[in-house]
Amino acid sequence: MVLLLNKTSLYSTFGVDNFESLDLVITSMAPSMVEYYLSDLSNGTDDAYLNKKNIQNSINIGEYSIYLDYDEEIYLEIEDSSINDNETGSLW
C-alpha cells in the first residue's frame, strides 16, 4: 500500500524541516517509535500512485519505506506483512 503523506505533518512529527534531516532523526530513533509515528500519520489517508522512476531519495524502516519524489511529494509505502511468498500451505 502506498500513501501520499502531508509533508508538513511528517516534518513536524519528527521535528525536522527537510528530508535529509528526517533521515538523520529516523536513524537515531528506536524503530518501534518510528513505526508508531508512521502508522499514526498513515491513518485516514487514501492509496496513491507512486511512479518509482521518479524517486529522488528513500528511507527504509522495517515494513515502512518513505520516498521523496522529484516533485517534492512524500510517499509512505507499507509492506503487507500478511502476504508471504516464501510460505506454502499445509498438506494436512
C-alpha atoms as a PDB file:
ATOM      1  CA  MET A   1       0.000   0.000   0.000  1.00  0.00           C
ATOM      2  CA  VAL A   2       1.333   3.443  -0.958  1.00  0.00           C
ATOM      3  CA  LEU A   3       0.078   6.629   0.685  1.00  0.00           C
ATOM      4  CA  LEU A   4       0.745  10.294  -0.056  1.00  0.00           C
ATOM      5  CA  LEU A   5       1.808  11.962   3.201  1.00  0.00           C
ATOM      6  CA  ASN A   6       1.288  15.534   4.259  1.00  0.00           C
ATOM      7  CA  LYS A   7       4.847  16.871   4.266  1.00  0.00           C
ATOM      8  CA  THR A   8       4.162  19.483   6.957  1.00  0.00           C
ATOM      9  CA  SER A   9       2.661  16.912   9.339  1.00  0.00           C
ATOM     10  CA  LEU A  10       5.512  14.475   8.733  1.00  0.00           C
ATOM     11  CA  TYR A  11       8.206  17.073   9.331  1.00  0.00           C
ATOM     12  CA  SER A  12       6.517  18.488  12.433  1.00  0.00           C
ATOM     13  CA  THR A  13       6.000  14.991  13.888  1.00  0.00           C
ATOM     14  CA  PHE A  14       9.727  14.303  13.720  1.00  0.00           C
ATOM     15  CA  GLY A  15      10.808  17.904  14.436  1.00  0.00           C
ATOM     16  CA  VAL A  16      12.666  18.472  11.155  1.00  0.00           C
ATOM     17  CA  ASP A  17      12.360  20.804   8.186  1.00  0.00           C
ATOM     18  CA  ASN A  18      13.688  18.727   5.265  1.00  0.00           C
ATOM     19  CA  PHE A  19      14.019  15.149   4.034  1.00  0.00           C
ATOM     20  CA  GLU A  20      17.736  14.835   4.793  1.00  0.00           C
ATOM     21  CA  SER A  21      17.160  15.824   8.420  1.00  0.00           C
ATOM     22  CA  LEU A  22      14.290  13.346   8.561  1.00  0.00           C
ATOM     23  CA  ASP A  23      16.676  10.560   7.571  1.00  0.00           C
ATOM     24  CA  LEU A  24      19.117  11.522  10.345  1.00  0.00           C
ATOM     25  CA  VAL A  25      16.404  11.716  13.017  1.00  0.00           C
ATOM     26  CA  ILE A  26      14.784   8.431  11.990  1.00  0.00           C
ATOM     27  CA  THR A  27      18.069   6.518  12.051  1.00  0.00           C
ATOM     28  CA  SER A  28      18.750   7.776  15.582  1.00  0.00           C
ATOM     29  CA  MET A  29      15.306   6.783  16.946  1.00  0.00           C
ATOM     30  CA  ALA A  30      14.070   3.411  18.165  1.00  0.00           C
ATOM     31  CA  PRO A  31      12.453   1.559  15.231  1.00  0.00           C
ATOM     32  CA  SER A  32       9.279   0.871  17.217  1.00  0.00           C
ATOM     33  CA  MET A  33       8.823   4.595  17.875  1.00  0.00           C
ATOM     34  CA  VAL A  34       9.321   5.452  14.196  1.00  0.00           C
ATOM     35  CA  GLU A  35       6.811   2.776  13.180  1.00  0.00           C
ATOM     36  CA  TYR A  36       4.312   4.141  15.714  1.00  0.00           C
ATOM     37  CA  TYR A  37       4.592   7.677  14.302  1.00  0.00           C
ATOM     38  CA  LEU A  38       4.349   6.470  10.698  1.00  0.00           C
ATOM     39  CA  SER A  39       1.354   4.306  11.497  1.00  0.00           C
ATOM     40  CA  ASP A  40      -0.330   7.292  13.103  1.00  0.00           C
ATOM     41  CA  LEU A  41       0.431   9.528  10.095  1.00  0.00           C
ATOM     42  CA  SER A  42      -0.953   6.946   7.669  1.00  0.00           C
ATOM     43  CA  ASN A  43      -4.393   6.762   9.331  1.00  0.00           C
ATOM     44  CA  GLY A  44      -7.120   8.365   7.265  1.00  0.00           C
ATOM     45  CA  THR A  45      -5.125   8.696   4.037  1.00  0.00           C
ATOM     46  CA  ASP A  46      -6.111   7.085   0.758  1.00  0.00           C
ATOM     47  CA  ASP A  47      -3.979   4.934  -1.505  1.00  0.00           C
ATOM     48  CA  ALA A  48      -1.893   6.850  -4.023  1.00  0.00           C
ATOM     49  CA  TYR A  49       0.076   6.013  -7.136  1.00  0.00           C
ATOM     50  CA  LEU A  50       3.859   6.270  -6.936  1.00  0.00           C
ATOM     51  CA  ASN A  51       5.945   6.129 -10.074  1.00  0.00           C
ATOM     52  CA  LYS A  52       9.136   4.577  -8.712  1.00  0.00           C
ATOM     53  CA  LYS A  53      11.123   6.050 -11.624  1.00  0.00           C
ATOM     54  CA  ASN A  54      10.569   9.491 -10.060  1.00  0.00           C
ATOM     55  CA  ILE A  55      12.053   8.639  -6.654  1.00  0.00           C
ATOM     56  CA  GLN A  56      14.761  11.063  -5.630  1.00  0.00           C
ATOM     57  CA  ASN A  57      15.510   9.705  -2.135  1.00  0.00           C
ATOM     58  CA  SER A  58      14.212   6.995   0.189  1.00  0.00           C
ATOM     59  CA  ILE A  59      14.308   5.832   3.810  1.00  0.00           C
ATOM     60  CA  ASN A  60      13.544   2.231   4.824  1.00  0.00           C
ATOM     61  CA  ILE A  61      12.368   1.278   8.308  1.00  0.00           C
ATOM     62  CA  GLY A  62      11.155  -2.294   8.778  1.00  0.00           C
ATOM     63  CA  GLU A  63       7.937  -2.688   6.827  1.00  0.00           C
ATOM     64  CA  TYR A  64       7.788   1.058   6.062  1.00  0.00           C
ATOM     65  CA  SER A  65       9.510   2.933   3.240  1.00  0.00           C
ATOM     66  CA  ILE A  66       9.400   6.700   2.824  1.00  0.00           C
ATOM     67  CA  TYR A  67      10.017   8.118  -0.648  1.00  0.00           C
ATOM     68  CA  LEU A  68      10.716  11.658  -1.804  1.00  0.00           C
ATOM     69  CA  ASP A  69       9.992  12.187  -5.495  1.00  0.00           C
ATOM     70  CA  TYR A  70      11.267  14.888  -7.846  1.00  0.00           C
ATOM     71  CA  ASP A  71       8.036  16.878  -7.352  1.00  0.00           C
ATOM     72  CA  GLU A  72       8.934  17.098  -3.619  1.00  0.00           C
ATOM     73  CA  GLU A  73       5.969  14.885  -2.679  1.00  0.00           C
ATOM     74  CA  ILE A  74       6.498  12.348   0.111  1.00  0.00           C
ATOM     75  CA  TYR A  75       5.017   8.861  -0.051  1.00  0.00           C
ATOM     76  CA  LEU A  76       4.794   6.133   2.552  1.00  0.00           C
ATOM     77  CA  GLU A  77       4.826   2.534   1.377  1.00  0.00           C
ATOM     78  CA  ILE A  78       3.670  -0.085   3.858  1.00  0.00           C
ATOM     79  CA  GLU A  79       4.632  -3.663   3.124  1.00  0.00           C
ATOM     80  CA  ASP A  80       1.718  -6.054   3.501  1.00  0.00           C
ATOM     81  CA  SER A  81       3.013  -8.445   6.160  1.00  0.00           C
ATOM     82  CA  SER A  82       0.058 -10.804   5.709  1.00  0.00           C
ATOM     83  CA  ILE A  83       1.430 -11.922   2.334  1.00  0.00           C
ATOM     84  CA  ASN A  84       4.493 -14.114   2.441  1.00  0.00           C
ATOM     85  CA  ASP A  85       5.532 -15.630  -0.901  1.00  0.00           C
ATOM     86  CA  ASN A  86       8.007 -17.998   0.756  1.00  0.00           C
ATOM     87  CA  GLU A  87       5.384 -19.933   2.706  1.00  0.00           C
ATOM     88  CA  THR A  88       3.493 -22.889   1.364  1.00  0.00           C
ATOM     89  CA  GLY A  89       0.199 -24.194   2.605  1.00  0.00           C
ATOM     90  CA  SER A  90      -0.039 -27.216   4.838  1.00  0.00           C
ATOM     91  CA  LEU A  91      -0.925 -30.545   3.313  1.00  0.00           C
ATOM     92  CA  TRP A  92      -2.832 -31.654   6.405  1.00  0.00           C
END
